[in-house]
């Protein structure tokens, strides 16, 4: 048993160090050898600009989790807040996948409506407070944090009429037993746990962006006409007062975000140099379209996470996931449509 724990611990360190070394190499290369021609430029920009800040913030979250759970002896089951308030706060801090891990470790008994709310709030998040690492792209931190709060808040407002009498009771434990002995007890264990999560998240996002870049780079060979998909979004954005070129860049970024990855979309948009030319209202509307984590790749990854976390009980979440995914993709479009109609 000791050997297995030692081997598992060392494998986690190998995972962290591997991703950490790759990130450091890319950072050094982009800072000091920018003239060297490279492939997968967006992937490398993500690893050099976004990933370091995200990994640092994950480490800080691990320290905070340790202080709250160990030093303050806090548990979700002891809190008197309602489930939507708890999940809202955890979503803002941790993001969807880490939120599911947290709820699983707390061994909470959730109703069908509660599970639906967890997925909606998780998917509408900007990926946890680690999303402030996106400020390295030139997006103001306050805008990122506002978007991270506003989108889940809109989801809660939508759920209010449906929540009457369905989720007013405090959450309960699945049983009265104490948490398992394998739960981390010291600061080092918490840091390792969160850094493993950060390294996996960084690796998954980098692979997703790299795959998208490869598809995008060879897309011209297939002569695919995307105009039927981009026509109405471009028309809607031009109604906001944007130029056709700016509307086209944002539409392409939105398609990238929906099909591939949020980070790649924001990198594409900021590289085009259009964000600073938008008014504050336009910036917030565009950011609301691109900031949440819902994409096809995220849908697959979260589905796999649910399967691995909840086992036979995973279907309770998986059958809700497609509907939650659709709702969260549609909600950010509503303020854009309303604002465009007001300008007409």
Protein backbone atom coordinates (compact mmCIF):
# COMPACT_ATOMS: atom_id res chain seq x y z
CA UNK A 1 0.00 0.00 0.00
CA UNK A 2 2.81 2.42 0.89
CA UNK A 3 4.54 1.60 -2.39
CA UNK A 4 1.39 2.38 -4.37
CA UNK A 5 0.95 5.73 -2.63
CA UNK A 6 4.62 6.58 -3.17
CA UNK A 7 4.43 5.63 -6.86
CA UNK A 8 1.22 7.62 -7.35
CA UNK A 9 2.73 10.65 -5.60
CA UNK A 10 5.83 10.53 -7.83
CA UNK A 11 3.75 10.15 -10.98
CA UNK A 12 1.88 13.30 -9.99
CA UNK A 13 5.18 15.14 -9.58
CA UNK A 14 6.34 13.90 -12.99
CA UNK A 15 3.10 15.17 -14.52
CA UNK A 16 3.50 18.60 -12.90
CA UNK A 17 7.20 18.93 -13.75
CA UNK A 18 6.68 17.85 -17.37
CA UNK A 19 4.07 20.53 -18.03
CA UNK A 20 6.01 23.10 -15.97
CA UNK A 21 9.21 22.51 -17.98
CA UNK A 22 7.34 22.77 -21.29
CA UNK A 23 5.75 26.06 -20.19
CA UNK A 24 9.12 27.48 -19.05
CA UNK A 25 10.79 26.48 -22.33
CA UNK A 26 8.02 28.13 -24.38
CA UNK A 27 8.13 31.28 -22.23
CA UNK A 28 11.91 31.62 -22.63
CA UNK A 29 11.71 30.89 -26.34
CA UNK A 30 8.96 33.47 -26.98
CA UNK A 31 10.66 36.12 -24.85
CA UNK A 32 14.19 35.80 -26.25
CA UNK A 33 13.89 34.05 -29.63
CA UNK A 34 10.82 35.64 -31.20
CA UNK A 35 12.37 35.77 -34.67
CA UNK A 36 12.58 32.00 -35.02
CA UNK A 37 9.74 30.85 -37.34
CA UNK A 38 7.38 28.50 -35.52
CA UNK A 39 4.27 26.43 -36.11
CA UNK A 40 1.28 26.41 -33.77
CA UNK A 41 1.73 30.05 -32.80
CA UNK A 42 -1.56 30.30 -30.88
CA UNK A 43 -0.68 27.18 -28.87
CA UNK A 44 2.70 28.62 -27.96
CA UNK A 45 1.15 31.97 -27.10
CA UNK A 46 -1.30 30.20 -24.78
CA UNK A 47 1.56 28.32 -23.06
CA UNK A 48 3.72 31.41 -22.67
CA UNK A 49 1.12 34.08 -21.84
CA UNK A 50 -1.86 32.36 -20.20
CA UNK A 51 -0.63 29.07 -18.70
CA UNK A 52 1.99 30.46 -16.21
CA UNK A 53 -0.53 32.76 -14.53
CA UNK A 54 -3.17 30.02 -14.45
CA UNK A 55 -0.79 27.55 -12.77
CA UNK A 56 0.20 30.15 -10.17
CA UNK A 57 -3.43 30.89 -9.36
CA UNK A 58 -4.19 27.16 -9.04
CA UNK A 59 -1.42 26.93 -6.43
CA UNK A 60 -2.97 29.87 -4.54
CA UNK A 61 -6.39 28.17 -4.69
CA UNK A 62 -4.83 25.04 -3.19
CA UNK A 63 -3.46 27.09 -0.29
CA UNK A 64 -6.85 28.76 0.23
CA UNK A 65 -8.64 25.38 0.18
CA UNK A 66 -6.17 24.06 2.76
CA UNK A 67 -6.65 27.06 5.06
CA UNK A 68 -10.44 26.93 4.81
CA UNK A 69 -10.93 23.18 5.23
CA UNK A 70 -8.14 22.44 7.73
CA UNK A 71 -7.47 25.59 9.74
CA UNK A 72 -11.08 26.79 9.83
CA UNK A 73 -12.66 23.31 9.92
CA UNK A 74 -15.21 24.34 7.28
CA UNK A 75 -17.46 21.99 5.32
CA UNK A 76 -20.18 22.72 2.78
CA UNK A 77 -22.60 20.56 4.73
CA UNK A 78 -22.14 22.82 7.78
CA UNK A 79 -22.86 26.03 5.89
CA UNK A 80 -26.33 27.55 6.26
CA UNK A 81 -26.33 29.08 2.77
CA UNK A 82 -28.58 27.66 0.05
CA UNK A 83 -27.15 25.37 -2.58
CA UNK A 84 -27.28 27.99 -5.36
CA UNK A 85 -25.30 30.45 -3.21
CA UNK A 86 -22.67 27.83 -2.40
CA UNK A 87 -22.34 26.64 -5.98
CA UNK A 88 -22.19 30.23 -7.27
CA UNK A 89 -19.24 31.02 -5.01
CA UNK A 90 -17.45 27.75 -5.77
CA UNK A 91 -18.01 28.20 -9.51
CA UNK A 92 -16.44 31.64 -9.40
CA UNK A 93 -13.40 30.27 -7.55
CA UNK A 94 -12.87 26.85 -9.10
CA UNK A 95 -14.66 26.53 -12.45
CA UNK A 96 -16.75 23.60 -13.63
CA UNK A 97 -14.43 20.56 -13.44
CA UNK A 98 -12.91 21.54 -10.07
CA UNK A 99 -16.42 22.31 -8.80
CA UNK A 100 -17.51 18.75 -9.61
CA UNK A 101 -14.41 17.37 -7.88
CA UNK A 102 -15.12 19.53 -4.83
CA UNK A 103 -18.76 18.41 -4.62
CA UNK A 104 -17.75 14.78 -5.05
CA UNK A 105 -15.25 15.02 -2.19
CA UNK A 106 -17.85 16.69 0.02
CA UNK A 107 -20.14 13.69 -0.67
CA UNK A 108 -23.26 15.80 -1.05
CA UNK A 109 -26.76 14.56 -1.82
CA UNK A 110 -28.23 16.72 -4.58
CA UNK A 111 -31.69 16.75 -6.11
CA UNK A 112 -32.27 16.63 -9.87
CA UNK A 113 -32.81 20.39 -9.93
CA UNK A 114 -29.63 20.96 -7.91
CA UNK A 115 -27.60 18.89 -10.39
CA UNK A 116 -29.06 20.89 -13.26
CA UNK A 117 -28.11 24.13 -11.50
CA UNK A 118 -24.58 22.86 -10.82
CA UNK A 119 -24.01 22.14 -14.52
CA UNK A 120 -25.58 25.41 -15.69
CA UNK A 121 -23.53 27.53 -13.28
CA UNK A 122 -20.37 25.50 -13.93
CA UNK A 123 -20.63 25.77 -17.71
CA UNK A 124 -21.50 29.47 -17.57
CA UNK A 125 -18.40 30.23 -15.54
CA UNK A 126 -15.24 31.67 -17.03
CA UNK A 127 -13.30 28.69 -15.72
CA UNK A 128 -12.77 29.82 -12.15
CA UNK A 129 -10.74 32.70 -10.79
CA UNK A 130 -7.78 31.35 -12.80
CA UNK A 131 -9.42 33.07 -15.80
CA UNK A 132 -7.74 36.32 -14.69
CA UNK A 133 -4.60 34.90 -16.34
CA UNK A 134 -6.33 35.93 -19.59
CA UNK A 135 -5.51 39.52 -18.66
CA UNK A 136 -2.05 38.79 -20.08
CA UNK A 137 -3.73 39.09 -23.50
CA UNK A 138 -4.53 42.74 -22.77
CA UNK A 139 -8.09 42.25 -21.51
CA UNK A 140 -8.68 44.31 -18.32
CA UNK A 141 -9.01 42.15 -15.21
CA UNK A 142 -12.14 43.99 -14.03
CA UNK A 143 -13.93 43.10 -17.28
CA UNK A 144 -13.00 39.43 -16.91
CA UNK A 145 -14.20 39.34 -13.31
CA UNK A 146 -17.45 41.16 -14.15
CA UNK A 147 -18.17 38.68 -16.96
CA UNK A 148 -17.34 35.82 -14.57
CA UNK A 149 -19.98 37.09 -12.14
CA UNK A 150 -22.64 38.34 -14.56
CA UNK A 151 -23.11 35.18 -16.65
CA UNK A 152 -23.76 32.83 -13.70
CA UNK A 153 -25.96 35.55 -12.18
CA UNK A 154 -28.10 35.61 -15.33
CA UNK A 155 -28.43 31.82 -15.09
CA UNK A 156 -29.60 32.13 -11.46
CA UNK A 157 -32.17 34.79 -12.47
CA UNK A 158 -33.47 32.46 -15.19
CA UNK A 159 -33.71 29.63 -12.66
CA UNK A 160 -35.56 31.64 -9.98
CA UNK A 161 -39.09 30.92 -11.36
CA UNK A 162 -38.20 27.23 -11.63
CA UNK A 163 -36.58 26.94 -8.23
CA UNK A 164 -39.63 27.68 -6.09
CA UNK A 165 -40.02 24.79 -3.68
CA UNK A 166 -37.35 22.69 -5.41
CA UNK A 167 -34.06 23.62 -3.80
CA UNK A 168 -34.87 25.45 -0.57
CA UNK A 169 -33.62 22.75 1.79
CA UNK A 170 -29.98 22.70 2.93
CA UNK A 171 -27.77 20.12 1.26
CA UNK A 172 -27.03 16.84 3.01
CA UNK A 173 -24.26 14.27 3.06
CA UNK A 174 -24.79 10.98 1.24
CA UNK A 175 -24.16 9.28 4.59
CA UNK A 176 -23.07 10.20 8.09
CA UNK A 177 -19.63 8.66 7.81
CA UNK A 178 -16.50 10.74 8.07
CA UNK A 179 -14.54 11.56 4.93
CA UNK A 180 -12.16 8.84 3.82
CA UNK A 181 -8.68 8.71 5.27
CA UNK A 182 -7.17 9.26 1.84
CA UNK A 183 -8.37 12.87 1.87
CA UNK A 184 -5.35 15.21 1.84
CA UNK A 185 -4.40 16.49 5.29
CA UNK A 186 -1.38 18.76 4.77
CA UNK A 187 -0.53 21.77 2.68
CA UNK A 188 1.82 19.82 0.40
CA UNK A 189 -0.95 17.37 -0.51
CA UNK A 190 -3.34 20.20 -1.35
CA UNK A 191 -0.71 21.93 -3.53
CA UNK A 192 0.09 18.69 -5.35
CA UNK A 193 -3.60 18.06 -5.95
CA UNK A 194 -4.26 21.52 -7.39
CA UNK A 195 -1.04 21.62 -9.43
CA UNK A 196 -1.92 18.23 -10.95
CA UNK A 197 -5.27 19.73 -11.90
CA UNK A 198 -3.53 22.81 -13.33
CA UNK A 199 -1.08 20.70 -15.35
CA UNK A 200 -3.86 18.48 -16.73
CA UNK A 201 -5.95 21.52 -17.61
CA UNK A 202 -2.96 23.19 -19.29
CA UNK A 203 -2.12 20.04 -21.25
CA UNK A 204 -5.74 19.48 -22.32
CA UNK A 205 -6.18 23.06 -23.47
CA UNK A 206 -2.83 23.09 -25.29
CA UNK A 207 -3.69 19.86 -27.13
CA UNK A 208 -7.15 21.19 -28.01
CA UNK A 209 -5.73 24.47 -29.35
CA UNK A 210 -3.00 22.61 -31.25
CA UNK A 211 -5.58 20.29 -32.82
CA UNK A 212 -7.73 23.25 -33.81
CA UNK A 213 -4.74 25.04 -35.33
CA UNK A 214 -3.87 21.95 -37.37
CA UNK A 215 -7.47 21.69 -38.66
CA UNK A 216 -7.63 25.43 -39.30
CA UNK A 217 -4.31 25.39 -41.14
CA UNK A 218 -5.42 22.64 -43.50
CA UNK A 219 -9.04 23.80 -43.78
CA UNK A 220 -8.42 25.55 -47.10
CA UNK A 221 -7.72 22.17 -48.71
CA UNK A 222 -11.33 21.09 -48.21
CA UNK A 223 -12.90 24.22 -49.75
CA UNK A 224 -15.55 24.42 -47.01
CA UNK A 225 -17.93 27.36 -47.27
CA UNK A 226 -18.58 28.68 -43.75
CA UNK A 227 -20.61 31.69 -44.88
CA UNK A 228 -23.92 30.03 -43.99
CA UNK A 229 -22.71 29.73 -40.40
CA UNK A 230 -21.20 33.21 -40.06
CA UNK A 231 -23.71 35.32 -42.06
CA UNK A 232 -26.23 36.05 -39.29
CA UNK A 233 -23.67 36.59 -36.48
CA UNK A 234 -21.79 39.09 -38.70
CA UNK A 235 -25.04 40.86 -39.52
CA UNK A 236 -25.96 41.02 -35.83
CA UNK A 237 -22.57 42.42 -34.86
CA UNK A 238 -22.66 45.05 -37.60
CA UNK A 239 -25.98 46.16 -36.11
CA UNK A 240 -23.97 46.96 -32.98
CA UNK A 241 -22.06 49.55 -35.00
CA UNK A 242 -19.02 47.37 -35.72
CA UNK A 243 -17.22 47.43 -39.04
CA UNK A 244 -17.64 44.35 -41.27
CA UNK A 245 -13.98 43.41 -40.69
CA UNK A 246 -14.33 43.65 -36.88
CA UNK A 247 -17.62 41.73 -37.00
CA UNK A 248 -15.95 39.02 -39.07
CA UNK A 249 -13.03 38.67 -36.60
CA UNK A 250 -15.40 38.40 -33.63
CA UNK A 251 -17.63 35.91 -35.44
CA UNK A 252 -14.65 33.72 -36.31
CA UNK A 253 -13.55 33.91 -32.67
CA UNK A 254 -17.05 32.93 -31.51
CA UNK A 255 -17.06 29.93 -33.87
CA UNK A 256 -13.60 28.99 -32.60
CA UNK A 257 -14.76 29.26 -29.00
CA UNK A 258 -17.90 27.17 -29.59
CA UNK A 259 -16.23 24.42 -31.60
CA UNK A 260 -12.74 24.33 -30.09
CA UNK A 261 -11.53 26.41 -27.16
CA UNK A 262 -12.19 29.72 -25.38
CA UNK A 263 -8.51 30.60 -24.97
CA UNK A 264 -7.76 30.14 -28.68
CA UNK A 265 -10.71 32.40 -29.54
CA UNK A 266 -9.58 35.20 -27.23
CA UNK A 267 -5.99 34.93 -28.46
CA UNK A 268 -7.21 35.17 -32.06
CA UNK A 269 -9.33 38.22 -31.29
CA UNK A 270 -6.65 40.10 -29.33
CA UNK A 271 -4.01 39.29 -31.94
CA UNK A 272 -6.26 40.96 -34.54
CA UNK A 273 -5.92 44.21 -32.55
CA UNK A 274 -9.62 45.06 -32.57
CA UNK A 275 -10.50 44.82 -28.88
CA UNK A 276 -9.14 48.23 -27.86
CA UNK A 277 -11.08 49.88 -30.70
CA UNK A 278 -14.43 48.77 -29.25
CA UNK A 279 -16.47 50.86 -26.85
CA UNK A 280 -16.78 49.64 -23.26
CA UNK A 281 -20.31 48.31 -23.86
CA UNK A 282 -19.19 46.53 -27.03
CA UNK A 283 -16.19 45.05 -25.21
CA UNK A 284 -18.41 43.63 -22.45
CA UNK A 285 -20.90 42.21 -24.95
CA UNK A 286 -18.14 40.57 -26.99
CA UNK A 287 -16.44 39.28 -23.87
CA UNK A 288 -19.73 37.76 -22.68
CA UNK A 289 -19.88 35.83 -25.96
CA UNK A 290 -16.39 34.41 -25.57
CA UNK A 291 -15.58 34.16 -21.86
CA UNK A 292 -17.50 31.08 -20.71
CA UNK A 293 -15.98 27.63 -21.14
CA UNK A 294 -18.73 26.00 -23.19
CA UNK A 295 -17.24 24.44 -26.30
CA UNK A 296 -17.44 21.05 -27.97
CA UNK A 297 -14.08 20.07 -26.46
CA UNK A 298 -15.19 21.23 -22.98
CA UNK A 299 -18.44 19.27 -23.41
CA UNK A 300 -16.44 16.09 -24.07
CA UNK A 301 -13.91 16.70 -21.29
CA UNK A 302 -16.57 17.51 -18.67
CA UNK A 303 -18.59 14.47 -19.74
CA UNK A 304 -15.53 12.27 -19.26
CA UNK A 305 -14.83 13.93 -15.90
CA UNK A 306 -18.39 13.19 -14.78
CA UNK A 307 -18.03 9.55 -15.82
CA UNK A 308 -14.76 9.14 -13.96
CA UNK A 309 -16.00 10.96 -10.84
CA UNK A 310 -19.51 9.59 -10.37
CA UNK A 311 -19.38 6.14 -11.97
CA UNK A 312 -22.83 4.51 -12.07
CA UNK A 313 -24.42 7.77 -10.90
CA UNK A 314 -22.94 9.70 -13.84
CA UNK A 315 -26.12 9.43 -15.92
CA UNK A 316 -27.86 11.75 -13.45
CA UNK A 317 -25.51 14.47 -14.74
CA UNK A 318 -24.92 13.30 -18.31
CA UNK A 319 -28.59 13.38 -19.30
CA UNK A 320 -28.73 17.05 -18.23
CA UNK A 321 -25.41 18.05 -19.82
CA UNK A 322 -26.60 18.56 -23.47
CA UNK A 323 -29.48 20.82 -22.40
CA UNK A 324 -27.23 22.79 -20.03
CA UNK A 325 -24.64 23.14 -22.82
CA UNK A 326 -27.27 24.53 -25.22
CA UNK A 327 -28.73 26.97 -22.66
CA UNK A 328 -25.32 28.35 -21.65
CA UNK A 329 -24.39 28.91 -25.30
CA UNK A 330 -27.64 30.77 -25.98
CA UNK A 331 -27.75 33.01 -22.87
CA UNK A 332 -24.74 35.25 -23.83
CA UNK A 333 -26.35 35.93 -27.21
CA UNK A 334 -29.47 37.46 -25.61
CA UNK A 335 -27.90 40.78 -24.44
CA UNK A 336 -26.19 41.17 -27.83
CA UNK A 337 -29.52 40.73 -29.65
CA UNK A 338 -31.31 43.10 -27.27
CA UNK A 339 -28.63 45.77 -27.63
CA UNK A 340 -28.69 45.44 -31.43
CA UNK A 341 -32.48 45.85 -31.47
CA UNK A 342 -32.24 48.96 -29.28
CA UNK A 343 -29.80 50.54 -31.73
CA UNK A 344 -31.99 49.82 -34.75
